[in-house]
Amino acid sequence: MSRQAAEVGPPESGYLTVPEIAKILRRNRKTVYGWIESGGIGEVDGLFVVQGRYLIHWPTFRSRQFKHRVKLRGQLPEYSEESQNGMAGNGQTRPPENRL
């Protein structure tokens, strides 16, 4: 989701309406309203009600809802020969011709 949000860019005012958030997240506005009603988006996420309209503070929402992806560095862990051959279990397996 963070890539999608980055493509749209930050809003100039910092506050977005529900339809604007829905467009950024590529969701239906009814879905976003559902998140608000169920508590998935709340005051801690930057939700404000101004004259009966929901406004969401974009920097707060983005920092609370989007998780930063951790890039893997270094080498992958070593796997045993059994797991590479598809026989990771310790139990007996049937021969391939009897598996059907």
N, C-alpha and C. Protein backbone atom coordinates (compact mmCIF):
# COMPACT_ATOMS: atom_id res chain seq x y z
N MET A 1 0.81 -1.19 0.00
CA MET A 1 0.00 0.00 0.00
C MET A 1 0.85 1.25 0.00
N SER A 2 2.01 1.20 0.56
CA SER A 2 2.82 2.41 0.62
C SER A 2 3.24 2.87 -0.77
N ARG A 3 3.43 1.92 -1.70
CA ARG A 3 3.80 2.30 -3.06
C ARG A 3 2.65 3.06 -3.71
N GLN A 4 1.42 2.60 -3.48
CA GLN A 4 0.26 3.26 -4.04
C GLN A 4 0.12 4.68 -3.49
N ALA A 5 0.35 4.83 -2.21
CA ALA A 5 0.23 6.14 -1.59
C ALA A 5 1.32 7.08 -2.11
N ALA A 6 2.50 6.55 -2.35
CA ALA A 6 3.60 7.38 -2.83
C ALA A 6 3.36 7.86 -4.26
N GLU A 7 2.63 7.09 -5.06
CA GLU A 7 2.35 7.48 -6.43
C GLU A 7 1.47 8.72 -6.49
N VAL A 8 0.55 8.85 -5.55
CA VAL A 8 -0.37 9.97 -5.55
C VAL A 8 0.30 11.22 -5.04
N GLY A 9 1.18 11.08 -4.08
CA GLY A 9 1.88 12.23 -3.52
C GLY A 9 1.15 12.80 -2.33
N PRO A 10 1.84 13.59 -1.53
CA PRO A 10 1.22 14.15 -0.33
C PRO A 10 0.24 15.26 -0.70
N PRO A 11 -0.85 15.36 0.03
CA PRO A 11 -1.80 16.44 -0.22
C PRO A 11 -1.22 17.77 0.24
N GLU A 12 -1.67 18.85 -0.39
CA GLU A 12 -1.14 20.17 -0.06
C GLU A 12 -1.59 20.64 1.31
N SER A 13 -2.86 20.35 1.68
CA SER A 13 -3.36 20.83 2.96
C SER A 13 -3.00 19.92 4.12
N GLY A 14 -2.75 18.64 3.85
CA GLY A 14 -2.46 17.70 4.92
C GLY A 14 -3.70 16.98 5.41
N TYR A 15 -4.89 17.47 5.08
CA TYR A 15 -6.14 16.84 5.49
C TYR A 15 -6.88 16.37 4.25
N LEU A 16 -7.41 15.15 4.35
CA LEU A 16 -8.13 14.57 3.22
C LEU A 16 -9.53 14.17 3.63
N THR A 17 -10.44 14.18 2.67
CA THR A 17 -11.78 13.69 2.90
C THR A 17 -11.79 12.19 2.68
N VAL A 18 -12.88 11.54 3.05
CA VAL A 18 -12.99 10.10 2.87
C VAL A 18 -12.87 9.70 1.40
N PRO A 19 -13.53 10.39 0.46
CA PRO A 19 -13.35 10.01 -0.94
C PRO A 19 -11.91 10.15 -1.43
N GLU A 20 -11.18 11.14 -0.93
CA GLU A 20 -9.78 11.30 -1.33
C GLU A 20 -8.91 10.17 -0.77
N ILE A 21 -9.15 9.79 0.49
CA ILE A 21 -8.42 8.66 1.09
C ILE A 21 -8.74 7.38 0.32
N ALA A 22 -10.02 7.20 -0.01
CA ALA A 22 -10.42 6.00 -0.75
C ALA A 22 -9.72 5.93 -2.10
N LYS A 23 -9.58 7.06 -2.76
CA LYS A 23 -8.90 7.08 -4.06
C LYS A 23 -7.43 6.72 -3.91
N ILE A 24 -6.77 7.25 -2.90
CA ILE A 24 -5.35 6.96 -2.67
C ILE A 24 -5.16 5.47 -2.36
N LEU A 25 -6.05 4.91 -1.54
CA LEU A 25 -5.93 3.52 -1.12
C LEU A 25 -6.51 2.53 -2.12
N ARG A 26 -7.13 3.08 -3.15
CA ARG A 26 -7.79 2.26 -4.19
C ARG A 26 -8.85 1.36 -3.57
N ARG A 27 -9.69 1.96 -2.75
CA ARG A 27 -10.81 1.27 -2.11
C ARG A 27 -12.07 2.10 -2.35
N ASN A 28 -13.21 1.47 -2.15
CA ASN A 28 -14.48 2.16 -2.25
C ASN A 28 -14.64 3.07 -1.03
N ARG A 29 -15.27 4.21 -1.22
CA ARG A 29 -15.45 5.13 -0.09
C ARG A 29 -16.29 4.50 1.01
N LYS A 30 -17.22 3.61 0.64
CA LYS A 30 -18.02 2.92 1.65
C LYS A 30 -17.15 2.02 2.53
N THR A 31 -16.10 1.47 1.95
CA THR A 31 -15.17 0.65 2.72
C THR A 31 -14.47 1.51 3.77
N VAL A 32 -14.04 2.71 3.37
CA VAL A 32 -13.36 3.61 4.31
C VAL A 32 -14.33 4.05 5.41
N TYR A 33 -15.58 4.37 5.04
CA TYR A 33 -16.57 4.71 6.06
C TYR A 33 -16.78 3.54 7.02
N GLY A 34 -16.75 2.31 6.50
CA GLY A 34 -16.88 1.13 7.35
C GLY A 34 -15.73 1.01 8.32
N TRP A 35 -14.52 1.32 7.85
CA TRP A 35 -13.36 1.29 8.74
C TRP A 35 -13.51 2.32 9.87
N ILE A 36 -14.06 3.48 9.53
CA ILE A 36 -14.26 4.52 10.54
C ILE A 36 -15.30 4.06 11.56
N GLU A 37 -16.42 3.53 11.07
CA GLU A 37 -17.49 3.11 11.97
C GLU A 37 -17.08 1.93 12.86
N SER A 38 -16.23 1.04 12.35
CA SER A 38 -15.80 -0.12 13.13
C SER A 38 -14.63 0.20 14.06
N GLY A 39 -14.05 1.39 13.94
CA GLY A 39 -12.93 1.77 14.79
C GLY A 39 -11.57 1.48 14.18
N GLY A 40 -11.54 1.01 12.95
CA GLY A 40 -10.27 0.75 12.28
C GLY A 40 -9.48 2.02 12.01
N ILE A 41 -10.19 3.10 11.82
CA ILE A 41 -9.60 4.43 11.69
C ILE A 41 -10.22 5.29 12.78
N GLY A 42 -9.39 5.87 13.62
CA GLY A 42 -9.90 6.67 14.73
C GLY A 42 -9.10 7.94 14.93
N GLU A 43 -9.30 8.56 16.08
CA GLU A 43 -8.62 9.82 16.38
C GLU A 43 -7.11 9.67 16.39
N VAL A 44 -6.62 8.53 16.87
CA VAL A 44 -5.17 8.33 16.91
C VAL A 44 -4.58 8.21 15.50
N ASP A 45 -5.42 7.90 14.53
CA ASP A 45 -4.99 7.80 13.13
C ASP A 45 -5.14 9.12 12.39
N GLY A 46 -5.54 10.17 13.08
CA GLY A 46 -5.68 11.47 12.44
C GLY A 46 -7.08 11.79 11.98
N LEU A 47 -8.09 11.13 12.53
CA LEU A 47 -9.48 11.36 12.12
C LEU A 47 -10.08 12.52 12.91
N PHE A 48 -10.67 13.45 12.17
CA PHE A 48 -11.37 14.59 12.77
C PHE A 48 -12.75 14.69 12.14
N VAL A 49 -13.71 15.23 12.91
CA VAL A 49 -15.03 15.52 12.37
C VAL A 49 -15.19 17.03 12.40
N VAL A 50 -15.37 17.62 11.21
CA VAL A 50 -15.52 19.07 11.09
C VAL A 50 -16.83 19.34 10.36
N GLN A 51 -17.76 19.97 11.05
CA GLN A 51 -19.08 20.28 10.51
C GLN A 51 -19.74 19.05 9.89
N GLY A 52 -19.64 17.93 10.59
CA GLY A 52 -20.28 16.71 10.14
C GLY A 52 -19.53 15.94 9.07
N ARG A 53 -18.38 16.42 8.63
CA ARG A 53 -17.57 15.72 7.62
C ARG A 53 -16.34 15.12 8.27
N TYR A 54 -15.99 13.94 7.83
CA TYR A 54 -14.76 13.32 8.30
C TYR A 54 -13.58 13.89 7.53
N LEU A 55 -12.56 14.32 8.27
CA LEU A 55 -11.29 14.71 7.67
C LEU A 55 -10.20 13.88 8.32
N ILE A 56 -9.25 13.47 7.51
CA ILE A 56 -8.18 12.62 8.00
C ILE A 56 -6.85 13.31 7.74
N HIS A 57 -6.06 13.47 8.80
CA HIS A 57 -4.75 14.10 8.69
C HIS A 57 -3.82 13.09 8.03
N TRP A 58 -3.42 13.37 6.79
CA TRP A 58 -2.67 12.41 5.98
C TRP A 58 -1.34 11.98 6.60
N PRO A 59 -0.48 12.89 7.08
CA PRO A 59 0.80 12.43 7.66
C PRO A 59 0.61 11.49 8.85
N THR A 60 -0.37 11.78 9.70
CA THR A 60 -0.63 10.92 10.85
C THR A 60 -1.17 9.57 10.40
N PHE A 61 -2.12 9.60 9.49
CA PHE A 61 -2.72 8.37 8.98
C PHE A 61 -1.65 7.49 8.33
N ARG A 62 -0.84 8.09 7.49
CA ARG A 62 0.19 7.34 6.78
C ARG A 62 1.18 6.70 7.75
N SER A 63 1.62 7.44 8.76
CA SER A 63 2.60 6.89 9.70
C SER A 63 2.00 5.80 10.58
N ARG A 64 0.70 5.87 10.87
CA ARG A 64 0.07 4.87 11.73
C ARG A 64 -0.38 3.63 10.96
N GLN A 65 -0.80 3.80 9.70
CA GLN A 65 -1.40 2.69 8.97
C GLN A 65 -0.46 1.95 8.04
N PHE A 66 0.58 2.61 7.55
CA PHE A 66 1.48 1.97 6.60
C PHE A 66 2.72 1.48 7.32
N LYS A 67 3.05 0.23 7.09
CA LYS A 67 4.23 -0.35 7.71
C LYS A 67 5.40 -0.22 6.75
N HIS A 68 6.55 0.16 7.29
CA HIS A 68 7.75 0.26 6.46
C HIS A 68 8.24 -1.14 6.14
N ARG A 69 8.59 -1.34 4.91
CA ARG A 69 9.12 -2.64 4.50
C ARG A 69 10.60 -2.72 4.83
N VAL A 70 10.98 -3.84 5.39
CA VAL A 70 12.36 -4.05 5.74
C VAL A 70 13.03 -4.78 4.58
N LYS A 71 14.10 -4.21 4.08
CA LYS A 71 14.83 -4.84 3.00
C LYS A 71 15.78 -5.88 3.59
N LEU A 72 15.79 -7.04 2.95
CA LEU A 72 16.69 -8.09 3.41
C LEU A 72 18.10 -7.79 2.95
N ARG A 73 19.02 -7.92 3.84
CA ARG A 73 20.42 -7.72 3.51
C ARG A 73 21.19 -8.96 3.91
N GLY A 74 22.21 -9.23 3.18
CA GLY A 74 23.02 -10.41 3.49
C GLY A 74 22.51 -11.63 2.76
N GLN A 75 22.84 -12.77 3.28
CA GLN A 75 22.51 -14.03 2.64
C GLN A 75 21.27 -14.64 3.27
N LEU A 76 20.61 -15.48 2.48
CA LEU A 76 19.47 -16.22 3.00
C LEU A 76 19.98 -17.32 3.93
N PRO A 77 19.17 -17.73 4.90
CA PRO A 77 19.62 -18.79 5.80
C PRO A 77 19.82 -20.09 5.05
N GLU A 78 20.71 -20.90 5.56
CA GLU A 78 20.99 -22.20 4.96
C GLU A 78 19.85 -23.16 5.28
N TYR A 79 19.40 -23.90 4.29
CA TYR A 79 18.36 -24.90 4.48
C TYR A 79 19.00 -26.28 4.38
N SER A 80 18.43 -27.20 5.11
CA SER A 80 18.96 -28.56 5.07
C SER A 80 18.66 -29.19 3.71
N GLU A 81 19.38 -30.23 3.38
CA GLU A 81 19.19 -30.92 2.11
C GLU A 81 17.79 -31.52 2.02
N GLU A 82 17.25 -31.98 3.17
CA GLU A 82 15.91 -32.56 3.18
C GLU A 82 14.86 -31.55 2.77
N SER A 83 14.95 -30.31 3.30
CA SER A 83 13.94 -29.31 2.96
C SER A 83 14.07 -28.87 1.51
N GLN A 84 15.27 -28.87 0.97
CA GLN A 84 15.46 -28.50 -0.43
C GLN A 84 14.88 -29.56 -1.35
N ASN A 85 14.89 -30.82 -0.92
CA ASN A 85 14.36 -31.91 -1.73
C ASN A 85 12.88 -32.14 -1.49
N GLY A 86 12.26 -31.34 -0.62
CA GLY A 86 10.83 -31.48 -0.36
C GLY A 86 10.49 -32.56 0.65
N MET A 87 11.44 -33.00 1.41
CA MET A 87 11.20 -34.04 2.41
C MET A 87 11.62 -33.52 3.77
N ALA A 88 10.97 -32.46 4.24
CA ALA A 88 11.38 -31.82 5.48
C ALA A 88 10.87 -32.54 6.72
N GLY A 89 9.87 -33.41 6.59
CA GLY A 89 9.32 -34.09 7.75
C GLY A 89 10.22 -35.22 8.22
N ASN A 90 10.04 -35.63 9.47
CA ASN A 90 10.84 -36.71 10.02
C ASN A 90 10.19 -38.07 9.82
N GLY A 91 8.91 -38.08 9.43
CA GLY A 91 8.18 -39.34 9.30
C GLY A 91 8.44 -40.03 7.98
N GLN A 92 7.84 -41.22 7.88
CA GLN A 92 7.97 -42.00 6.65
C GLN A 92 7.12 -41.37 5.55
N THR A 93 7.62 -41.41 4.34
CA THR A 93 6.86 -40.93 3.19
C THR A 93 6.65 -42.08 2.23
N ARG A 94 5.57 -42.00 1.50
CA ARG A 94 5.31 -43.04 0.50
C ARG A 94 6.16 -42.78 -0.74
N PRO A 95 6.49 -43.80 -1.47
CA PRO A 95 7.22 -43.58 -2.71
C PRO A 95 6.36 -42.78 -3.68
N PRO A 96 6.99 -42.02 -4.59
CA PRO A 96 6.23 -41.14 -5.49
C PRO A 96 5.15 -41.85 -6.29
N GLU A 97 5.37 -43.10 -6.69
CA GLU A 97 4.37 -43.78 -7.51
C GLU A 97 3.13 -44.17 -6.73
N ASN A 98 3.18 -44.18 -5.40
CA ASN A 98 2.02 -44.56 -4.57
C ASN A 98 1.31 -43.36 -3.97
N ARG A 99 1.63 -42.17 -4.36
CA ARG A 99 1.04 -40.97 -3.74
C ARG A 99 -0.33 -40.61 -4.30
N LEU A 100 -0.71 -41.15 -5.42
CA LEU A 100 -1.99 -40.80 -6.03
C LEU A 100 -3.03 -41.66 -5.43
